[in-house]
Structures are given as structure tokens and as C-alpha cells.
PDB file of N, CA and C in Angstrom:
ATOM      1  N   MET A   1     133.871  55.344  79.286  1.00  0.00           N
ATOM      2  CA  MET A   1     133.202  54.991  78.403  1.00  0.00           C
ATOM      3  C   MET A   1     133.678  55.067  77.005  1.00  0.00           C
ATOM      4  N   LYS A   2     134.830  56.486  76.901  1.00  0.00           N
ATOM      5  CA  LYS A   2     135.470  56.450  75.404  1.00  0.00           C
ATOM      6  C   LYS A   2     136.331  55.232  75.106  1.00  0.00           C
ATOM      7  N   ARG A   3     136.902  55.115  76.325  1.00  0.00           N
ATOM      8  CA  ARG A   3     138.147  54.269  76.461  1.00  0.00           C
ATOM      9  C   ARG A   3     137.305  52.875  76.027  1.00  0.00           C
ATOM     10  N   HIS A   4     136.272  52.280  75.910  1.00  0.00           N
ATOM     11  CA  HIS A   4     135.710  51.213  75.802  1.00  0.00           C
ATOM     12  C   HIS A   4     134.945  51.641  73.977  1.00  0.00           C
ATOM     13  N   LEU A   5     134.685  52.886  73.820  1.00  0.00           N
ATOM     14  CA  LEU A   5     134.204  53.173  72.413  1.00  0.00           C
ATOM     15  C   LEU A   5     135.475  52.604  71.286  1.00  0.00           C
ATOM     16  N   LEU A   6     136.430  53.419  71.634  1.00  0.00           N
ATOM     17  CA  LEU A   6     138.044  53.120  71.069  1.00  0.00           C
ATOM     18  C   LEU A   6     138.388  51.710  71.372  1.00  0.00           C
ATOM     19  N   VAL A   7     138.361  50.979  72.084  1.00  0.00           N
ATOM     20  CA  VAL A   7     138.909  49.968  72.634  1.00  0.00           C
ATOM     21  C   VAL A   7     138.097  48.585  71.260  1.00  0.00           C
ATOM     22  N   LEU A   8     136.678  49.434  70.945  1.00  0.00           N
ATOM     23  CA  LEU A   8     135.645  48.361  69.964  1.00  0.00           C
ATOM     24  C   LEU A   8     136.500  48.805  68.836  1.00  0.00           C
ATOM     25  N   THR A   9     136.428  50.042  68.423  1.00  0.00           N
ATOM     26  CA  THR A   9     137.234  50.304  67.130  1.00  0.00           C
ATOM     27  C   THR A   9     138.408  49.594  66.696  1.00  0.00           C
ATOM     28  N   CYS A  10     139.170  49.339  67.337  1.00  0.00           N
ATOM     29  CA  CYS A  10     140.353  48.702  67.447  1.00  0.00           C
ATOM     30  C   CYS A  10     139.902  47.647  67.099  1.00  0.00           C
ATOM     31  N   LEU A  11     139.111  46.980  67.522  1.00  0.00           N
ATOM     32  CA  LEU A  11     138.394  45.336  67.028  1.00  0.00           C
ATOM     33  C   LEU A  11     137.575  45.576  65.882  1.00  0.00           C
ATOM     34  N   LEU A  12     136.926  46.402  65.792  1.00  0.00           N
ATOM     35  CA  LEU A  12     136.295  46.482  64.280  1.00  0.00           C
ATOM     36  C   LEU A  12     137.527  46.807  62.880  1.00  0.00           C
ATOM     37  N   MET A  13     138.269  47.403  63.910  1.00  0.00           N
ATOM     38  CA  MET A  13     139.641  47.823  62.317  1.00  0.00           C
ATOM     39  C   MET A  13     140.318  46.320  61.909  1.00  0.00           C
ATOM     40  N   SER A  14     140.439  45.689  63.425  1.00  0.00           N
ATOM     41  CA  SER A  14     141.782  44.767  62.874  1.00  0.00           C
ATOM     42  C   SER A  14     140.616  43.474  61.806  1.00  0.00           C
ATOM     43  N   LEU A  15     139.694  43.763  62.235  1.00  0.00           N
ATOM     44  CA  LEU A  15     138.358  43.107  61.429  1.00  0.00           C
ATOM     45  C   LEU A  15     138.223  43.104  59.876  1.00  0.00           C
ATOM     46  N   CYS A  16     138.508  44.285  59.393  1.00  0.00           N
ATOM     47  CA  CYS A  16     137.956  45.050  58.918  1.00  0.00           C
ATOM     48  C   CYS A  16     138.583  45.654  58.075  1.00  0.00           C
ATOM     49  N   ALA A  17     140.288  45.843  58.234  1.00  0.00           N
ATOM     50  CA  ALA A  17     141.051  46.329  57.351  1.00  0.00           C
ATOM     51  C   ALA A  17     141.514  45.391  56.674  1.00  0.00           C
ATOM     52  N   MET A  18     141.295  44.307  56.448  1.00  0.00           N
ATOM     53  CA  MET A  18     141.776  42.791  55.343  1.00  0.00           C
ATOM     54  C   MET A  18     140.764  43.314  54.470  1.00  0.00           C
ATOM     55  N   ALA A  19     139.587  43.904  54.294  1.00  0.00           N
ATOM     56  CA  ALA A  19     139.098  43.998  53.392  1.00  0.00           C
ATOM     57  C   ALA A  19     139.794  44.977  51.732  1.00  0.00           C
ATOM     58  N   ASP A  20     140.222  45.999  52.112  1.00  0.00           N
ATOM     59  CA  ASP A  20     141.144  47.004  50.895  1.00  0.00           C
ATOM     60  C   ASP A  20     141.576  48.199  51.835  1.00  0.00           C
ATOM     61  N   ASP A  21     141.829  47.847  52.876  1.00  0.00           N
ATOM     62  CA  ASP A  21     142.748  49.030  53.606  1.00  0.00           C
ATOM     63  C   ASP A  21     142.330  50.481  53.467  1.00  0.00           C
ATOM     64  N   VAL A  22     140.488  50.400  52.776  1.00  0.00           N
ATOM     65  CA  VAL A  22     139.603  51.353  52.517  1.00  0.00           C
ATOM     66  C   VAL A  22     139.285  52.320  53.871  1.00  0.00           C
ATOM     67  N   GLN A  23     139.450  53.354  54.549  1.00  0.00           N
ATOM     68  CA  GLN A  23     139.771  54.155  55.519  1.00  0.00           C
ATOM     69  C   GLN A  23     139.464  55.417  55.096  1.00  0.00           C
ATOM     70  N   THR A  24     138.220  56.169  56.598  1.00  0.00           N
ATOM     71  CA  THR A  24     138.428  57.203  56.078  1.00  0.00           C
ATOM     72  C   THR A  24     138.408  58.203  57.610  1.00  0.00           C
ATOM     73  N   VAL A  25     139.882  58.641  57.738  1.00  0.00           N
ATOM     74  CA  VAL A  25     140.220  58.599  59.531  1.00  0.00           C
ATOM     75  C   VAL A  25     139.727  60.055  59.854  1.00  0.00           C
ATOM     76  N   THR A  26     139.340  60.851  60.459  1.00  0.00           N
ATOM     77  CA  THR A  26     139.164  61.955  61.596  1.00  0.00           C
ATOM     78  C   THR A  26     139.197  62.123  62.008  1.00  0.00           C
ATOM     79  N   ILE A  27     139.456  63.130  62.912  1.00  0.00           N
ATOM     80  CA  ILE A  27     140.584  63.459  63.957  1.00  0.00           C
ATOM     81  C   ILE A  27     139.771  65.356  64.415  1.00  0.00           C
ATOM     82  N   GLY A  28     139.182  65.190  65.734  1.00  0.00           N
ATOM     83  CA  GLY A  28     138.587  66.623  65.780  1.00  0.00           C
ATOM     84  C   GLY A  28     137.698  66.648  64.991  1.00  0.00           C
ATOM     85  N   GLY A  29     137.545  66.188  63.884  1.00  0.00           N
ATOM     86  CA  GLY A  29     137.148  67.489  62.610  1.00  0.00           C
ATOM     87  C   GLY A  29     137.317  67.425  61.374  1.00  0.00           C
ATOM     88  N   ALA A  30     138.823  67.192  61.236  1.00  0.00           N
ATOM     89  CA  ALA A  30     139.487  67.204  60.593  1.00  0.00           C
ATOM     90  C   ALA A  30     139.991  65.714  60.003  1.00  0.00           C
ATOM     91  N   ILE A  31     139.724  65.472  58.167  1.00  0.00           N
ATOM     92  CA  ILE A  31     140.244  64.320  57.730  1.00  0.00           C
ATOM     93  C   ILE A  31     141.715  64.328  57.742  1.00  0.00           C
ATOM     94  N   VAL A  32     141.984  63.290  57.950  1.00  0.00           N
ATOM     95  CA  VAL A  32     143.772  62.592  58.087  1.00  0.00           C
ATOM     96  C   VAL A  32     143.684  62.205  56.721  1.00  0.00           C
ATOM     97  N   ASP A  33     145.158  62.265  55.651  1.00  0.00           N
ATOM     98  CA  ASP A  33     145.008  61.503  54.805  1.00  0.00           C
ATOM     99  C   ASP A  33     145.797  60.434  54.713  1.00  0.00           C
ATOM    100  N   LYS A  34     145.706  59.571  55.430  1.00  0.00           N
ATOM    101  CA  LYS A  34     146.485  58.178  56.253  1.00  0.00           C
ATOM    102  C   LYS A  34     146.050  57.154  56.307  1.00  0.00           C
ATOM    103  N   THR A  35     146.448  55.991  56.679  1.00  0.00           N
ATOM    104  CA  THR A  35     145.850  54.898  56.487  1.00  0.00           C
ATOM    105  C   THR A  35     146.814  54.362  58.487  1.00  0.00           C
ATOM    106  N   VAL A  36     145.261  53.898  59.098  1.00  0.00           N
ATOM    107  CA  VAL A  36     145.624  53.629  60.389  1.00  0.00           C
ATOM    108  C   VAL A  36     145.666  52.232  60.492  1.00  0.00           C
ATOM    109  N   LYS A  37     146.818  51.601  61.497  1.00  0.00           N
ATOM    110  CA  LYS A  37     147.099  50.110  60.717  1.00  0.00           C
ATOM    111  C   LYS A  37     147.268  49.753  62.611  1.00  0.00           C
ATOM    112  N   GLN A  38     147.282  50.383  63.505  1.00  0.00           N
ATOM    113  CA  GLN A  38     147.260  50.120  64.522  1.00  0.00           C
ATOM    114  C   GLN A  38     146.712  51.141  66.193  1.00  0.00           C
ATOM    115  N   ILE A  39     145.927  51.172  66.750  1.00  0.00           N
ATOM    116  CA  ILE A  39     145.892  52.195  68.089  1.00  0.00           C
ATOM    117  C   ILE A  39     145.956  51.591  69.295  1.00  0.00           C
ATOM    118  N   THR A  40     146.848  52.357  70.510  1.00  0.00           N
ATOM    119  CA  THR A  40     147.094  52.266  71.251  1.00  0.00           C
ATOM    120  C   THR A  40     147.065  53.382  72.504  1.00  0.00           C
ATOM    121  N   PHE A  41     146.615  53.099  73.570  1.00  0.00           N
ATOM    122  CA  PHE A  41     146.425  53.836  74.455  1.00  0.00           C
ATOM    123  C   PHE A  41     148.048  54.143  75.485  1.00  0.00           C
ATOM    124  N   ASP A  42     148.036  55.498  76.421  1.00  0.00           N
ATOM    125  CA  ASP A  42     148.945  55.496  77.256  1.00  0.00           C
ATOM    126  C   ASP A  42     148.259  56.594  78.486  1.00  0.00           C
ATOM    127  N   GLY A  43     147.390  56.164  79.012  1.00  0.00           N
ATOM    128  CA  GLY A  43     147.269  56.966  79.860  1.00  0.00           C
ATOM    129  C   GLY A  43     145.618  57.786  79.264  1.00  0.00           C
ATOM    130  N   ASP A  44     145.505  59.130  79.211  1.00  0.00           N
ATOM    131  CA  ASP A  44     143.649  59.048  78.675  1.00  0.00           C
ATOM    132  C   ASP A  44     144.946  60.170  77.507  1.00  0.00           C
ATOM    133  N   ASN A  45     145.620  59.119  76.684  1.00  0.00           N
ATOM    134  CA  ASN A  45     145.930  59.745  75.072  1.00  0.00           C
ATOM    135  C   ASN A  45     145.883  58.213  74.607  1.00  0.00           C
ATOM    136  N   VAL A  46     145.586  58.519  72.895  1.00  0.00           N
ATOM    137  CA  VAL A  46     145.000  57.558  72.394  1.00  0.00           C
ATOM    138  C   VAL A  46     145.837  57.675  71.440  1.00  0.00           C
ATOM    139  N   ILE A  47     146.961  56.736  70.968  1.00  0.00           N
ATOM    140  CA  ILE A  47     148.201  57.180  70.288  1.00  0.00           C
ATOM    141  C   ILE A  47     147.333  56.363  68.479  1.00  0.00           C
ATOM    142  N   LEU A  48     147.712  56.572  67.346  1.00  0.00           N
ATOM    143  CA  LEU A  48     147.215  56.502  66.160  1.00  0.00           C
ATOM    144  C   LEU A  48     148.144  55.845  65.332  1.00  0.00           C
ATOM    145  N   HIS A  49     148.802  54.741  65.075  1.00  0.00           N
ATOM    146  CA  HIS A  49     150.266  54.415  63.974  1.00  0.00           C
ATOM    147  C   HIS A  49     149.777  54.435  63.064  1.00  0.00           C
ATOM    148  N   PHE A  50     150.163  55.095  62.585  1.00  0.00           N
ATOM    149  CA  PHE A  50     149.956  54.625  60.652  1.00  0.00           C
ATOM    150  C   PHE A  50     150.600  53.901  59.935  1.00  0.00           C
ATOM    151  N   THR A  51     150.262  53.590  58.416  1.00  0.00           N
ATOM    152  CA  THR A  51     150.988  52.652  57.780  1.00  0.00           C
ATOM    153  C   THR A  51     152.298  53.375  57.112  1.00  0.00           C
ATOM    154  N   ASP A  52     152.187  54.896  57.337  1.00  0.00           N
ATOM    155  CA  ASP A  52     153.956  55.144  56.675  1.00  0.00           C
ATOM    156  C   ASP A  52     154.741  55.394  57.730  1.00  0.00           C
ATOM    157  N   ASN A  53     154.434  54.746  59.196  1.00  0.00           N
ATOM    158  CA  ASN A  53     155.580  54.657  60.209  1.00  0.00           C
ATOM    159  C   ASN A  53     155.095  56.126  60.912  1.00  0.00           C
ATOM    160  N   SER A  54     154.383  56.952  61.073  1.00  0.00           N
ATOM    161  CA  SER A  54     154.940  57.960  61.885  1.00  0.00           C
ATOM    162  C   SER A  54     153.546  57.912  62.640  1.00  0.00           C
ATOM    163  N   THR A  55     153.222  58.575  64.057  1.00  0.00           N
ATOM    164  CA  THR A  55     152.487  58.138  65.179  1.00  0.00           C
ATOM    165  C   THR A  55     151.677  59.813  65.036  1.00  0.00           C
ATOM    166  N   GLU A  56     150.441  59.796  66.039  1.00  0.00           N
ATOM    167  CA  GLU A  56     150.005  60.900  66.442  1.00  0.00           C
ATOM    168  C   GLU A  56     149.524  60.605  67.681  1.00  0.00           C
ATOM    169  N   THR A  57     149.323  61.997  68.759  1.00  0.00           N
ATOM    170  CA  THR A  57     148.869  61.119  69.732  1.00  0.00           C
ATOM    171  C   THR A  57     147.554  62.476  70.145  1.00  0.00           C
ATOM    172  N   GLN A  58     146.796  61.843  70.614  1.00  0.00           N
ATOM    173  CA  GLN A  58     145.449  62.878  70.749  1.00  0.00           C
ATOM    174  C   GLN A  58     145.233  62.644  72.197  1.00  0.00           C
ATOM    175  N   ASP A  59     144.610  63.668  72.906  1.00  0.00           N
ATOM    176  CA  ASP A  59     143.711  63.612  74.000  1.00  0.00           C
ATOM    177  C   ASP A  59     142.383  62.475  73.683  1.00  0.00           C
ATOM    178  N   ILE A  60     142.556  61.472  74.913  1.00  0.00           N
ATOM    179  CA  ILE A  60     141.340  60.612  74.457  1.00  0.00           C
ATOM    180  C   ILE A  60     139.783  61.270  74.483  1.00  0.00           C
ATOM    181  N   ALA A  61     139.617  62.959  74.739  1.00  0.00           N
ATOM    182  CA  ALA A  61     138.844  63.510  74.777  1.00  0.00           C
ATOM    183  C   ALA A  61     138.365  63.700  73.677  1.00  0.00           C
ATOM    184  N   VAL A  62     139.259  63.889  72.314  1.00  0.00           N
ATOM    185  CA  VAL A  62     139.016  64.008  71.200  1.00  0.00           C
ATOM    186  C   VAL A  62     138.699  63.432  70.496  1.00  0.00           C
ATOM    187  N   GLU A  63     137.687  63.992  69.735  1.00  0.00           N
ATOM    188  CA  GLU A  63     136.933  62.666  68.343  1.00  0.00           C
ATOM    189  C   GLU A  63     138.012  62.398  67.526  1.00  0.00           C
ATOM    190  N   VAL A  64     137.372  60.835  67.450  1.00  0.00           N
ATOM    191  CA  VAL A  64     138.469  60.406  66.625  1.00  0.00           C
ATOM    192  C   VAL A  64     137.888  58.947  65.943  1.00  0.00           C
ATOM    193  N   LYS A  65     137.337  59.580  64.696  1.00  0.00           N
ATOM    194  CA  LYS A  65     136.596  58.610  64.177  1.00  0.00           C
ATOM    195  C   LYS A  65     137.316  57.922  63.159  1.00  0.00           C
ATOM    196  N   ILE A  66     137.514  55.967  62.587  1.00  0.00           N
ATOM    197  CA  ILE A  66     137.686  55.768  61.373  1.00  0.00           C
ATOM    198  C   ILE A  66     136.750  54.623  61.177  1.00  0.00           C
ATOM    199  N   ALA A  67     136.218  55.552  59.589  1.00  0.00           N
ATOM    200  CA  ALA A  67     135.200  55.034  58.813  1.00  0.00           C
ATOM    201  C   ALA A  67     135.598  54.087  57.817  1.00  0.00           C
ATOM    202  N   PHE A  68     135.380  52.761  57.394  1.00  0.00           N
ATOM    203  CA  PHE A  68     135.309  51.891  56.783  1.00  0.00           C
ATOM    204  C   PHE A  68     134.577  51.502  55.699  1.00  0.00           C
ATOM    205  N   ASN A  69     135.387  51.289  54.435  1.00  0.00           N
ATOM    206  CA  ASN A  69     134.444  51.137  53.189  1.00  0.00           C
ATOM    207  C   ASN A  69     134.386  49.978  53.225  1.00  0.00           C
ATOM    208  N   LEU A  70     133.099  48.658  53.124  1.00  0.00           N
ATOM    209  CA  LEU A  70     133.335  47.593  53.039  1.00  0.00           C
ATOM    210  C   LEU A  70     132.337  47.106  52.119  1.00  0.00           C
ATOM    211  N   SER A  71     132.546  47.997  51.127  1.00  0.00           N
ATOM    212  CA  SER A  71     131.804  47.224  50.081  1.00  0.00           C
ATOM    213  C   SER A  71     132.516  46.495  48.820  1.00  0.00           C
ATOM    214  N   THR A  72     133.833  47.301  48.832  1.00  0.00           N
ATOM    215  CA  THR A  72     134.898  46.593  48.067  1.00  0.00           C
ATOM    216  C   THR A  72     134.920  44.762  48.718  1.00  0.00           C
ATOM    217  N   ALA A  73     134.516  44.962  49.860  1.00  0.00           N
ATOM    218  CA  ALA A  73     135.485  43.689  50.143  1.00  0.00           C
ATOM    219  C   ALA A  73     134.610  42.373  49.449  1.00  0.00           C
ATOM    220  N   ILE A  74     133.040  42.743  49.409  1.00  0.00           N
ATOM    221  CA  ILE A  74     132.668  41.618  48.714  1.00  0.00           C
ATOM    222  C   ILE A  74     132.727  41.654  47.054  1.00  0.00           C
ATOM    223  N   GLU A  75     133.508  40.723  46.187  1.00  0.00           N
ATOM    224  CA  GLU A  75     133.702  40.792  45.183  1.00  0.00           C
ATOM    225  C   GLU A  75     132.386  39.630  44.116  1.00  0.00           C
ATOM    226  N   HIS A  76     131.266  38.854  45.106  1.00  0.00           N
ATOM    227  CA  HIS A  76     130.464  37.993  44.365  1.00  0.00           C
ATOM    228  C   HIS A  76     129.893  37.225  45.265  1.00  0.00           C
ATOM    229  N   LEU A  77     127.760  37.254  45.334  1.00  0.00           N
ATOM    230  CA  LEU A  77     127.047  36.898  46.024  1.00  0.00           C
ATOM    231  C   LEU A  77     126.670  36.233  44.989  1.00  0.00           C
ATOM    232  N   GLY A  78     126.759  34.647  45.223  1.00  0.00           N
ATOM    233  CA  GLY A  78     125.952  33.935  44.222  1.00  0.00           C
ATOM    234  C   GLY A  78     124.741  33.320  44.922  1.00  0.00           C
ATOM    235  N   VAL A  79     123.743  33.438  44.414  1.00  0.00           N
ATOM    236  CA  VAL A  79     122.133  32.692  44.567  1.00  0.00           C
ATOM    237  C   VAL A  79     122.195  31.490  43.964  1.00  0.00           C
ATOM    238  N   GLU A  80     121.637  30.741  44.949  1.00  0.00           N
ATOM    239  CA  GLU A  80     121.819  29.077  44.710  1.00  0.00           C
ATOM    240  C   GLU A  80     120.596  29.015  44.954  1.00  0.00           C
ATOM    241  N   THR A  81     119.397  28.372  43.937  1.00  0.00           N
ATOM    242  CA  THR A  81     118.263  27.834  44.199  1.00  0.00           C
ATOM    243  C   THR A  81     117.832  26.307  44.530  1.00  0.00           C
ATOM    244  N   VAL A  82     117.227  25.703  45.103  1.00  0.00           N
ATOM    245  CA  VAL A  82     117.052  24.393  45.510  1.00  0.00           C
ATOM    246  C   VAL A  82     115.439  24.375  45.193  1.00  0.00           C
ATOM    247  N   LYS A  83     115.308  23.169  44.518  1.00  0.00           N
ATOM    248  CA  LYS A  83     114.191  22.817  44.222  1.00  0.00           C
ATOM    249  C   LYS A  83     114.234  21.587  44.657  1.00  0.00           C
ATOM    250  N   ASP A  84     112.784  21.015  45.248  1.00  0.00           N
ATOM    251  CA  ASP A  84     112.847  20.141  46.015  1.00  0.00           C
ATOM    252  C   ASP A  84     113.061  19.405  46.767  1.00  0.00           C
ATOM    253  N   ALA A  85     114.034  19.855  47.276  1.00  0.00           N
ATOM    254  CA  ALA A  85     114.371  19.558  48.840  1.00  0.00           C
ATOM    255  C   ALA A  85     113.508  19.435  49.931  1.00  0.00           C
ATOM    256  N   LYS A  86     113.917  18.932  51.447  1.00  0.00           N
ATOM    257  CA  LYS A  86     112.917  18.718  51.896  1.00  0.00           C
ATOM    258  C   LYS A  86     113.576  19.652  52.935  1.00  0.00           C
ATOM    259  N   VAL A  87     112.811  20.422  53.971  1.00  0.00           N
ATOM    260  CA  VAL A  87     112.929  21.631  54.208  1.00  0.00           C
ATOM    261  C   VAL A  87     112.421  21.630  55.505  1.00  0.00           C
ATOM    262  N   TYR A  88     113.200  21.911  57.086  1.00  0.00           N
ATOM    263  CA  TYR A  88     113.115  21.588  57.973  1.00  0.00           C
ATOM    264  C   TYR A  88     112.931  22.965  58.741  1.00  0.00           C
ATOM    265  N   ASN A  89     112.560  23.798  59.997  1.00  0.00           N
ATOM    266  CA  ASN A  89     112.234  24.435  60.627  1.00  0.00           C
ATOM    267  C   ASN A  89     113.745  24.534  61.487  1.00  0.00           C
ATOM    268  N   LEU A  90     113.734  25.501  62.518  1.00  0.00           N
ATOM    269  CA  LEU A  90     114.887  25.754  63.485  1.00  0.00           C
ATOM    270  C   LEU A  90     114.937  24.400  64.321  1.00  0.00           C
ATOM    271  N   ARG A  91     114.060  24.217  64.856  1.00  0.00           N
ATOM    272  CA  ARG A  91     113.563  23.461  65.497  1.00  0.00           C
ATOM    273  C   ARG A  91     113.862  21.637  65.030  1.00  0.00           C
ATOM    274  N   GLY A  92     114.112  21.521  63.595  1.00  0.00           N
ATOM    275  CA  GLY A  92     114.115  20.381  63.111  1.00  0.00           C
ATOM    276  C   GLY A  92     112.991  19.498  62.895  1.00  0.00           C
ATOM    277  N   GLN A  93     111.869  20.607  62.892  1.00  0.00           N
ATOM    278  CA  GLN A  93     110.922  19.739  62.172  1.00  0.00           C
ATOM    279  C   GLN A  93     110.403  20.349  61.234  1.00  0.00           C
ATOM    280  N   TYR A  94     110.087  19.154  60.029  1.00  0.00           N
ATOM    281  CA  TYR A  94     109.811  18.638  58.917  1.00  0.00           C
ATOM    282  C   TYR A  94     108.655  19.722  57.822  1.00  0.00           C
ATOM    283  N   MET A  95     109.324  20.393  57.474  1.00  0.00           N
ATOM    284  CA  MET A  95     108.205  21.545  56.954  1.00  0.00           C
ATOM    285  C   MET A  95     107.593  21.586  55.765  1.00  0.00           C
ATOM    286  N   GLY A  96     107.817  20.689  54.894  1.00  0.00           N
ATOM    287  CA  GLY A  96     107.876  20.345  53.177  1.00  0.00           C
ATOM    288  C   GLY A  96     108.943  20.396  51.966  1.00  0.00           C
ATOM    289  N   ASP A  97     108.572  20.594  50.882  1.00  0.00           N
ATOM    290  CA  ASP A  97     109.297  19.822  50.400  1.00  0.00           C
ATOM    291  C   ASP A  97     109.342  21.269  48.958  1.00  0.00           C
ATOM    292  N   ASN A  98     108.373  22.379  49.674  1.00  0.00           N
ATOM    293  CA  ASN A  98     108.471  23.979  48.738  1.00  0.00           C
ATOM    294  C   ASN A  98     108.836  25.302  50.062  1.00  0.00           C
ATOM    295  N   LEU A  99     109.711  25.838  49.693  1.00  0.00           N
ATOM    296  CA  LEU A  99     109.868  26.634  50.450  1.00  0.00           C
ATOM    297  C   LEU A  99     108.399  28.040  50.081  1.00  0.00           C
ATOM    298  N   GLN A 100     108.088  27.840  48.667  1.00  0.00           N
ATOM    299  CA  GLN A 100     107.745  29.241  48.512  1.00  0.00           C
ATOM    300  C   GLN A 100     106.106  29.216  49.158  1.00  0.00           C
ATOM    301  N   SER A 101     105.490  27.837  49.977  1.00  0.00           N
ATOM    302  CA  SER A 101     104.524  27.636  50.336  1.00  0.00           C
ATOM    303  C   SER A 101     104.552  28.317  51.756  1.00  0.00           C
ATOM    304  N   LEU A 102     105.955  28.220  52.231  1.00  0.00           N
ATOM    305  CA  LEU A 102     105.920  28.815  53.784  1.00  0.00           C
ATOM    306  C   LEU A 102     105.746  29.994  54.062  1.00  0.00           C
ATOM    307  N   PRO A 103     105.567  30.392  55.481  1.00  0.00           N
ATOM    308  CA  PRO A 103     105.415  31.505  55.825  1.00  0.00           C
ATOM    309  C   PRO A 103     106.836  32.440  56.006  1.00  0.00           C
ATOM    310  N   ALA A 104     106.951  33.468  55.897  1.00  0.00           N
ATOM    311  CA  ALA A 104     108.285  34.219  56.418  1.00  0.00           C
ATOM    312  C   ALA A 104     109.332  33.690  57.567  1.00  0.00           C
ATOM    313  N   GLY A 105     110.279  33.725  57.341  1.00  0.00           N
ATOM    314  CA  GLY A 105     110.862  32.785  58.651  1.00  0.00           C
ATOM    315  C   GLY A 105     112.401  31.929  57.802  1.00  0.00           C
ATOM    316  N   VAL A 106     113.459  31.641  58.918  1.00  0.00           N
ATOM    317  CA  VAL A 106     114.223  31.169  58.546  1.00  0.00           C
ATOM    318  C   VAL A 106     114.153  29.451  58.744  1.00  0.00           C
ATOM    319  N   TYR A 107     114.686  28.486  57.622  1.00  0.00           N
ATOM    320  CA  TYR A 107     114.331  27.372  57.528  1.00  0.00           C
ATOM    321  C   TYR A 107     115.759  26.514  57.192  1.00  0.00           C
ATOM    322  N   ILE A 108     115.814  25.023  56.982  1.00  0.00           N
ATOM    323  CA  ILE A 108     117.155  24.725  57.064  1.00  0.00           C
ATOM    324  C   ILE A 108     116.741  24.052  55.525  1.00  0.00           C
ATOM    325  N   GLN A 109     117.607  23.818  54.577  1.00  0.00           N
ATOM    326  CA  GLN A 109     117.498  22.598  53.267  1.00  0.00           C
ATOM    327  C   GLN A 109     118.605  22.730  52.772  1.00  0.00           C
ATOM    328  N   SER A 110     119.360  21.452  52.878  1.00  0.00           N
ATOM    329  CA  SER A 110     119.825  21.181  52.080  1.00  0.00           C
ATOM    330  C   SER A 110     120.999  21.209  52.663  1.00  0.00           C
ATOM    331  N   GLY A 111     121.106  21.458  54.647  1.00  0.00           N
ATOM    332  CA  GLY A 111     122.035  21.357  55.052  1.00  0.00           C
ATOM    333  C   GLY A 111     122.155  23.013  55.386  1.00  0.00           C
ATOM    334  N   LYS A 112     121.673  23.701  54.314  1.00  0.00           N
ATOM    335  CA  LYS A 112     122.244  25.173  54.264  1.00  0.00           C
ATOM    336  C   LYS A 112     120.935  26.448  54.825  1.00  0.00           C
ATOM    337  N   LYS A 113     120.929  27.277  56.006  1.00  0.00           N
ATOM    338  CA  LYS A 113     120.277  28.131  56.146  1.00  0.00           C
ATOM    339  C   LYS A 113     119.762  28.929  54.547  1.00  0.00           C
ATOM    340  N   VAL A 114     118.248  28.888  55.214  1.00  0.00           N
ATOM    341  CA  VAL A 114     117.477  29.625  53.789  1.00  0.00           C
ATOM    342  C   VAL A 114     116.754  30.777  54.342  1.00  0.00           C
ATOM    343  N   THR A 115     116.292  31.978  53.745  1.00  0.00           N
ATOM    344  CA  THR A 115     115.537  32.559  54.094  1.00  0.00           C
ATOM    345  C   THR A 115     114.225  32.718  53.370  1.00  0.00           C
ATOM    346  N   VAL A 116     113.212  33.318  53.714  1.00  0.00           N
ATOM    347  CA  VAL A 116     111.704  33.109  53.556  1.00  0.00           C
ATOM    348  C   VAL A 116     111.310  34.544  53.265  1.00  0.00           C
ATOM    349  N   LYS A 117     111.524  35.539  52.596  1.00  0.00           N
ATOM    350  CA  LYS A 117     111.019  36.736  53.010  1.00  0.00           C
ATOM    351  C   LYS A 117     109.543  36.938  52.573  1.00  0.00           C
TER     352      LYS A 117
END
């Protein structure tokens, strides 16, 4: 089970590391001031490869956490409003021309998904 969690962490790390490489690495409760670039396994050991070309090997039973700060990855959120465009539900049924009159849900308007809260 722990191996599966570490593999999942590896996958998430590869996706998230592109954000800004802002990560907090904790090994056995102690914070390590390094950035992990790769995680490998050797038997019951996990090997952390850091960006400074150093490595650290830990038993798989030791708690290793890598937390990412993803808030820096978002540069700008644009809000686009569309008025008087035909609205369809996810089944493709025509729902009208006005989002405000619809119940909460997900709709398609001008070829884009729109959420009504």
C-alpha cells in the first residue's frame, strides 16, 4: 500500500513540478531544504534524487511527504460572460437563451461548459 502511495506521489510530482518547483519535502517529520527531481525504488527502500545531484535513501516504512504550492502556477483567471447565446444541457437538449433562469448545473453555451451555481 505504501509503495502505491509513493508511486502516486511520483506521478503527481511529475505533473506538478512544472508549476514553479515550489515543494516542501519532509522525511520522518524533518523538513529537508532541497527540491526532489526524481523518486526511485530499490527493494524496500525509496531513493530521493534532488536537484543538487545528491540522493537520500530511506526505508519505505519512513514517512516521506512532498507537498506542492500550486497557487503560484495560476497566472490569470479570465471570466467571460456570454449573453443571449443558446444554452444546452449535457444531453444536448436546448434549455433557452438565458443562464440566469436555469437551475444549478452544468450547461453548454457557445461550445463551452458553463456552471450555474
